[in-house]
Amino acid sequence: MQDKKERLIDFKEALNRTRTKKSWAYELIKQNRFPKPIKIGSRSIAFVESEIDAWIDARIAERDSVGAN
């Protein structure tokens, strides 16, 4: 069992944090290049906040590694 409590954020918040458009996020999800959503209702999804934060950190790391070469 995990000690840390995970927090869910709604799709709108995930899009806002990642500065992505809905259609592009769905495309990235389909390509397994974006965190997988969690279905929380018949027409609602959410994301694990730490997974979105890790995705953002990975994009920053990619940028920094490209600039270092």
PDB file of N, CA and C in Angstrom:
ATOM      1  N   MET A   1       0.833  -1.187   0.000  1.00  0.00           N
ATOM      2  CA  MET A   1       0.000   0.000   0.000  1.00  0.00           C
ATOM      3  C   MET A   1       0.878   1.251   0.000  1.00  0.00           C
ATOM      4  N   GLN A   2       0.459   2.238  -0.725  1.00  0.00           N
ATOM      5  CA  GLN A   2       1.224   3.474  -0.809  1.00  0.00           C
ATOM      6  C   GLN A   2       0.968   4.351   0.407  1.00  0.00           C
ATOM      7  N   ASP A   3       2.035   5.000   0.874  1.00  0.00           N
ATOM      8  CA  ASP A   3       1.886   5.945   1.969  1.00  0.00           C
ATOM      9  C   ASP A   3       1.367   7.283   1.464  1.00  0.00           C
ATOM     10  N   LYS A   4       1.811   7.647   0.256  1.00  0.00           N
ATOM     11  CA  LYS A   4       1.438   8.940  -0.312  1.00  0.00           C
ATOM     12  C   LYS A   4       0.055   8.861  -0.942  1.00  0.00           C
ATOM     13  N   LYS A   5      -0.775   9.827  -0.641  1.00  0.00           N
ATOM     14  CA  LYS A   5      -2.094   9.902  -1.258  1.00  0.00           C
ATOM     15  C   LYS A   5      -1.963  10.595  -2.608  1.00  0.00           C
ATOM     16  N   GLU A   6      -2.474   9.954  -3.630  1.00  0.00           N
ATOM     17  CA  GLU A   6      -2.454  10.543  -4.966  1.00  0.00           C
ATOM     18  C   GLU A   6      -3.671  11.439  -5.138  1.00  0.00           C
ATOM     19  N   ARG A   7      -3.492  12.496  -5.886  1.00  0.00           N
ATOM     20  CA  ARG A   7      -4.574  13.441  -6.139  1.00  0.00           C
ATOM     21  C   ARG A   7      -4.949  13.355  -7.616  1.00  0.00           C
ATOM     22  N   LEU A   8      -6.238  13.335  -7.885  1.00  0.00           N
ATOM     23  CA  LEU A   8      -6.722  13.352  -9.264  1.00  0.00           C
ATOM     24  C   LEU A   8      -7.026  14.778  -9.675  1.00  0.00           C
ATOM     25  N   ILE A   9      -6.703  15.083 -10.925  1.00  0.00           N
ATOM     26  CA  ILE A   9      -7.067  16.386 -11.490  1.00  0.00           C
ATOM     27  C   ILE A   9      -7.917  16.135 -12.722  1.00  0.00           C
ATOM     28  N   ASP A  10      -8.843  17.030 -12.984  1.00  0.00           N
ATOM     29  CA  ASP A  10      -9.724  16.828 -14.134  1.00  0.00           C
ATOM     30  C   ASP A  10      -8.988  17.123 -15.441  1.00  0.00           C
ATOM     31  N   PHE A  11      -9.625  16.751 -16.537  1.00  0.00           N
ATOM     32  CA  PHE A  11      -9.016  16.881 -17.858  1.00  0.00           C
ATOM     33  C   PHE A  11      -8.666  18.341 -18.147  1.00  0.00           C
ATOM     34  N   LYS A  12      -9.553  19.242 -17.798  1.00  0.00           N
ATOM     35  CA  LYS A  12      -9.322  20.662 -18.051  1.00  0.00           C
ATOM     36  C   LYS A  12      -8.050  21.147 -17.346  1.00  0.00           C
ATOM     37  N   GLU A  13      -7.869  20.726 -16.109  1.00  0.00           N
ATOM     38  CA  GLU A  13      -6.669  21.104 -15.353  1.00  0.00           C
ATOM     39  C   GLU A  13      -5.418  20.491 -15.970  1.00  0.00           C
ATOM     40  N   ALA A  14      -5.511  19.234 -16.404  1.00  0.00           N
ATOM     41  CA  ALA A  14      -4.366  18.580 -17.051  1.00  0.00           C
ATOM     42  C   ALA A  14      -3.988  19.311 -18.333  1.00  0.00           C
ATOM     43  N   LEU A  15      -4.990  19.695 -19.107  1.00  0.00           N
ATOM     44  CA  LEU A  15      -4.725  20.440 -20.343  1.00  0.00           C
ATOM     45  C   LEU A  15      -4.101  21.795 -20.027  1.00  0.00           C
ATOM     46  N   ASN A  16      -4.602  22.447 -19.022  1.00  0.00           N
ATOM     47  CA  ASN A  16      -4.081  23.746 -18.633  1.00  0.00           C
ATOM     48  C   ASN A  16      -2.617  23.639 -18.189  1.00  0.00           C
ATOM     49  N   ARG A  17      -2.328  22.651 -17.370  1.00  0.00           N
ATOM     50  CA  ARG A  17      -0.952  22.481 -16.874  1.00  0.00           C
ATOM     51  C   ARG A  17       0.028  22.137 -17.980  1.00  0.00           C
ATOM     52  N   THR A  18      -0.407  21.317 -18.933  1.00  0.00           N
ATOM     53  CA  THR A  18       0.490  20.873 -19.995  1.00  0.00           C
ATOM     54  C   THR A  18       0.444  21.777 -21.223  1.00  0.00           C
ATOM     55  N   ARG A  19      -0.479  22.733 -21.207  1.00  0.00           N
ATOM     56  CA  ARG A  19      -0.639  23.673 -22.322  1.00  0.00           C
ATOM     57  C   ARG A  19      -0.898  22.919 -23.634  1.00  0.00           C
ATOM     58  N   THR A  20      -1.717  21.874 -23.540  1.00  0.00           N
ATOM     59  CA  THR A  20      -2.069  21.075 -24.713  1.00  0.00           C
ATOM     60  C   THR A  20      -3.539  21.259 -25.041  1.00  0.00           C
ATOM     61  N   LYS A  21      -3.858  21.076 -26.281  1.00  0.00           N
ATOM     62  CA  LYS A  21      -5.251  21.088 -26.719  1.00  0.00           C
ATOM     63  C   LYS A  21      -5.842  19.694 -26.539  1.00  0.00           C
ATOM     64  N   LYS A  22      -7.154  19.629 -26.378  1.00  0.00           N
ATOM     65  CA  LYS A  22      -7.829  18.360 -26.116  1.00  0.00           C
ATOM     66  C   LYS A  22      -7.545  17.328 -27.208  1.00  0.00           C
ATOM     67  N   SER A  23      -7.658  17.711 -28.466  1.00  0.00           N
ATOM     68  CA  SER A  23      -7.452  16.756 -29.559  1.00  0.00           C
ATOM     69  C   SER A  23      -6.019  16.221 -29.571  1.00  0.00           C
ATOM     70  N   TRP A  24      -5.038  17.075 -29.277  1.00  0.00           N
ATOM     71  CA  TRP A  24      -3.644  16.643 -29.261  1.00  0.00           C
ATOM     72  C   TRP A  24      -3.399  15.725 -28.059  1.00  0.00           C
ATOM     73  N   ALA A  25      -3.986  16.025 -26.922  1.00  0.00           N
ATOM     74  CA  ALA A  25      -3.840  15.168 -25.747  1.00  0.00           C
ATOM     75  C   ALA A  25      -4.395  13.773 -26.045  1.00  0.00           C
ATOM     76  N   TYR A  26      -5.571  13.702 -26.692  1.00  0.00           N
ATOM     77  CA  TYR A  26      -6.140  12.398 -27.039  1.00  0.00           C
ATOM     78  C   TYR A  26      -5.222  11.637 -27.996  1.00  0.00           C
ATOM     79  N   GLU A  27      -4.621  12.344 -28.933  1.00  0.00           N
ATOM     80  CA  GLU A  27      -3.690  11.704 -29.864  1.00  0.00           C
ATOM     81  C   GLU A  27      -2.474  11.162 -29.114  1.00  0.00           C
ATOM     82  N   LEU A  28      -1.931  11.939 -28.187  1.00  0.00           N
ATOM     83  CA  LEU A  28      -0.785  11.486 -27.394  1.00  0.00           C
ATOM     84  C   LEU A  28      -1.155  10.298 -26.509  1.00  0.00           C
ATOM     85  N   ILE A  29      -2.358  10.315 -25.942  1.00  0.00           N
ATOM     86  CA  ILE A  29      -2.833   9.190 -25.132  1.00  0.00           C
ATOM     87  C   ILE A  29      -2.886   7.926 -25.990  1.00  0.00           C
ATOM     88  N   LYS A  30      -3.424   8.062 -27.196  1.00  0.00           N
ATOM     89  CA  LYS A  30      -3.537   6.935 -28.120  1.00  0.00           C
ATOM     90  C   LYS A  30      -2.161   6.362 -28.463  1.00  0.00           C
ATOM     91  N   GLN A  31      -1.157   7.230 -28.530  1.00  0.00           N
ATOM     92  CA  GLN A  31       0.212   6.829 -28.855  1.00  0.00           C
ATOM     93  C   GLN A  31       1.011   6.426 -27.603  1.00  0.00           C
ATOM     94  N   ASN A  32       0.362   6.380 -26.451  1.00  0.00           N
ATOM     95  CA  ASN A  32       1.020   6.088 -25.168  1.00  0.00           C
ATOM     96  C   ASN A  32       2.154   7.071 -24.871  1.00  0.00           C
ATOM     97  N   ARG A  33       1.951   8.332 -25.235  1.00  0.00           N
ATOM     98  CA  ARG A  33       2.948   9.374 -24.989  1.00  0.00           C
ATOM     99  C   ARG A  33       2.431  10.426 -24.006  1.00  0.00           C
ATOM    100  N   PHE A  34       1.349  10.109 -23.313  1.00  0.00           N
ATOM    101  CA  PHE A  34       0.730  11.005 -22.336  1.00  0.00           C
ATOM    102  C   PHE A  34       0.163  10.108 -21.240  1.00  0.00           C
ATOM    103  N   PRO A  35       0.114  10.577 -20.007  1.00  0.00           N
ATOM    104  CA  PRO A  35      -0.422   9.729 -18.940  1.00  0.00           C
ATOM    105  C   PRO A  35      -1.823   9.207 -19.263  1.00  0.00           C
ATOM    106  N   LYS A  36      -2.064   7.986 -18.836  1.00  0.00           N
ATOM    107  CA  LYS A  36      -3.369   7.367 -19.092  1.00  0.00           C
ATOM    108  C   LYS A  36      -4.425   7.977 -18.182  1.00  0.00           C
ATOM    109  N   PRO A  37      -5.583   8.272 -18.743  1.00  0.00           N
ATOM    110  CA  PRO A  37      -6.656   8.833 -17.921  1.00  0.00           C
ATOM    111  C   PRO A  37      -7.343   7.756 -17.079  1.00  0.00           C
ATOM    112  N   ILE A  38      -8.030   8.218 -16.064  1.00  0.00           N
ATOM    113  CA  ILE A  38      -8.836   7.358 -15.203  1.00  0.00           C
ATOM    114  C   ILE A  38     -10.287   7.771 -15.404  1.00  0.00           C
ATOM    115  N   LYS A  39     -11.120   6.803 -15.744  1.00  0.00           N
ATOM    116  CA  LYS A  39     -12.544   7.094 -15.942  1.00  0.00           C
ATOM    117  C   LYS A  39     -13.197   7.290 -14.574  1.00  0.00           C
ATOM    118  N   ILE A  40     -13.811   8.456 -14.376  1.00  0.00           N
ATOM    119  CA  ILE A  40     -14.435   8.749 -13.084  1.00  0.00           C
ATOM    120  C   ILE A  40     -15.950   8.914 -13.189  1.00  0.00           C
ATOM    121  N   GLY A  41     -16.460   8.781 -14.384  1.00  0.00           N
ATOM    122  CA  GLY A  41     -17.889   8.885 -14.615  1.00  0.00           C
ATOM    123  C   GLY A  41     -18.194   8.425 -16.022  1.00  0.00           C
ATOM    124  N   SER A  42     -19.457   8.451 -16.396  1.00  0.00           N
ATOM    125  CA  SER A  42     -19.824   7.967 -17.724  1.00  0.00           C
ATOM    126  C   SER A  42     -19.216   8.816 -18.837  1.00  0.00           C
ATOM    127  N   ARG A  43     -18.971  10.096 -18.552  1.00  0.00           N
ATOM    128  CA  ARG A  43     -18.387  10.983 -19.565  1.00  0.00           C
ATOM    129  C   ARG A  43     -17.261  11.843 -19.004  1.00  0.00           C
ATOM    130  N   SER A  44     -16.632  11.358 -17.945  1.00  0.00           N
ATOM    131  CA  SER A  44     -15.597  12.148 -17.286  1.00  0.00           C
ATOM    132  C   SER A  44     -14.333  11.328 -17.084  1.00  0.00           C
ATOM    133  N   ILE A  45     -13.189  11.999 -17.280  1.00  0.00           N
ATOM    134  CA  ILE A  45     -11.905  11.377 -16.997  1.00  0.00           C
ATOM    135  C   ILE A  45     -11.102  12.321 -16.118  1.00  0.00           C
ATOM    136  N   ALA A  46     -10.133  11.744 -15.444  1.00  0.00           N
ATOM    137  CA  ALA A  46      -9.219  12.517 -14.609  1.00  0.00           C
ATOM    138  C   ALA A  46      -7.833  11.916 -14.781  1.00  0.00           C
ATOM    139  N   PHE A  47      -6.849  12.613 -14.254  1.00  0.00           N
ATOM    140  CA  PHE A  47      -5.465  12.165 -14.338  1.00  0.00           C
ATOM    141  C   PHE A  47      -4.843  12.210 -12.962  1.00  0.00           C
ATOM    142  N   VAL A  48      -3.864  11.331 -12.739  1.00  0.00           N
ATOM    143  CA  VAL A  48      -3.117  11.367 -11.487  1.00  0.00           C
ATOM    144  C   VAL A  48      -2.170  12.567 -11.572  1.00  0.00           C
ATOM    145  N   GLU A  49      -2.284  13.452 -10.620  1.00  0.00           N
ATOM    146  CA  GLU A  49      -1.516  14.697 -10.641  1.00  0.00           C
ATOM    147  C   GLU A  49      -0.011  14.442 -10.772  1.00  0.00           C
ATOM    148  N   SER A  50       0.513  13.490 -10.020  1.00  0.00           N
ATOM    149  CA  SER A  50       1.956  13.228 -10.064  1.00  0.00           C
ATOM    150  C   SER A  50       2.398  12.721 -11.437  1.00  0.00           C
ATOM    151  N   GLU A  51       1.519  12.020 -12.161  1.00  0.00           N
ATOM    152  CA  GLU A  51       1.853  11.537 -13.505  1.00  0.00           C
ATOM    153  C   GLU A  51       1.909  12.699 -14.491  1.00  0.00           C
ATOM    154  N   ILE A  52       1.013  13.662 -14.339  1.00  0.00           N
ATOM    155  CA  ILE A  52       1.049  14.854 -15.188  1.00  0.00           C
ATOM    156  C   ILE A  52       2.308  15.658 -14.888  1.00  0.00           C
ATOM    157  N   ASP A  53       2.637  15.807 -13.608  1.00  0.00           N
ATOM    158  CA  ASP A  53       3.854  16.526 -13.221  1.00  0.00           C
ATOM    159  C   ASP A  53       5.096  15.827 -13.780  1.00  0.00           C
ATOM    160  N   ALA A  54       5.123  14.494 -13.728  1.00  0.00           N
ATOM    161  CA  ALA A  54       6.256  13.739 -14.262  1.00  0.00           C
ATOM    162  C   ALA A  54       6.359  13.906 -15.777  1.00  0.00           C
ATOM    163  N   TRP A  55       5.222  13.958 -16.461  1.00  0.00           N
ATOM    164  CA  TRP A  55       5.210  14.157 -17.911  1.00  0.00           C
ATOM    165  C   TRP A  55       5.818  15.527 -18.252  1.00  0.00           C
ATOM    166  N   ILE A  56       5.432  16.538 -17.486  1.00  0.00           N
ATOM    167  CA  ILE A  56       5.982  17.881 -17.702  1.00  0.00           C
ATOM    168  C   ILE A  56       7.490  17.865 -17.448  1.00  0.00           C
ATOM    169  N   ASP A  57       7.912  17.241 -16.354  1.00  0.00           N
ATOM    170  CA  ASP A  57       9.341  17.155 -16.030  1.00  0.00           C
ATOM    171  C   ASP A  57      10.121  16.454 -17.141  1.00  0.00           C
ATOM    172  N   ALA A  58       9.529  15.418 -17.730  1.00  0.00           N
ATOM    173  CA  ALA A  58      10.179  14.691 -18.825  1.00  0.00           C
ATOM    174  C   ALA A  58      10.337  15.576 -20.057  1.00  0.00           C
ATOM    175  N   ARG A  59       9.335  16.410 -20.350  1.00  0.00           N
ATOM    176  CA  ARG A  59       9.451  17.316 -21.493  1.00  0.00           C
ATOM    177  C   ARG A  59      10.584  18.328 -21.264  1.00  0.00           C
ATOM    178  N   ILE A  60      10.711  18.805 -20.021  1.00  0.00           N
ATOM    179  CA  ILE A  60      11.786  19.743 -19.682  1.00  0.00           C
ATOM    180  C   ILE A  60      13.145  19.046 -19.818  1.00  0.00           C
ATOM    181  N   ALA A  61      13.235  17.824 -19.335  1.00  0.00           N
ATOM    182  CA  ALA A  61      14.480  17.066 -19.436  1.00  0.00           C
ATOM    183  C   ALA A  61      14.863  16.823 -20.897  1.00  0.00           C
ATOM    184  N   GLU A  62      13.870  16.511 -21.742  1.00  0.00           N
ATOM    185  CA  GLU A  62      14.130  16.337 -23.181  1.00  0.00           C
ATOM    186  C   GLU A  62      14.694  17.615 -23.776  1.00  0.00           C
ATOM    187  N   ARG A  63      14.071  18.721 -23.439  1.00  0.00           N
ATOM    188  CA  ARG A  63      14.544  20.009 -23.950  1.00  0.00           C
ATOM    189  C   ARG A  63      15.978  20.264 -23.524  1.00  0.00           C
ATOM    190  N   ASP A  64      16.262  20.029 -22.256  1.00  0.00           N
ATOM    191  CA  ASP A  64      17.591  20.300 -21.728  1.00  0.00           C
ATOM    192  C   ASP A  64      18.644  19.376 -22.301  1.00  0.00           C
ATOM    193  N   SER A  65      18.288  18.123 -22.577  1.00  0.00           N
ATOM    194  CA  SER A  65      19.259  17.192 -23.132  1.00  0.00           C
ATOM    195  C   SER A  65      19.552  17.519 -24.594  1.00  0.00           C
ATOM    196  N   VAL A  66      18.574  18.008 -25.322  1.00  0.00           N
ATOM    197  CA  VAL A  66      18.792  18.408 -26.707  1.00  0.00           C
ATOM    198  C   VAL A  66      19.692  19.634 -26.757  1.00  0.00           C
ATOM    199  N   GLY A  67      19.458  20.575 -25.863  1.00  0.00           N
ATOM    200  CA  GLY A  67      20.257  21.796 -25.825  1.00  0.00           C
ATOM    201  C   GLY A  67      21.686  21.548 -25.377  1.00  0.00           C
ATOM    202  N   ALA A  68      21.917  20.464 -24.644  1.00  0.00           N
ATOM    203  CA  ALA A  68      23.259  20.168 -24.128  1.00  0.00           C
ATOM    204  C   ALA A  68      24.149  19.552 -25.195  1.00  0.00           C
ATOM    205  N   ASN A  69      23.557  18.995 -26.239  1.00  0.00           N
ATOM    206  CA  ASN A  69      24.346  18.332 -27.292  1.00  0.00           C
ATOM    207  C   ASN A  69      24.884  19.283 -28.293  1.00  0.00           C
TER     208      ASN A  69
END
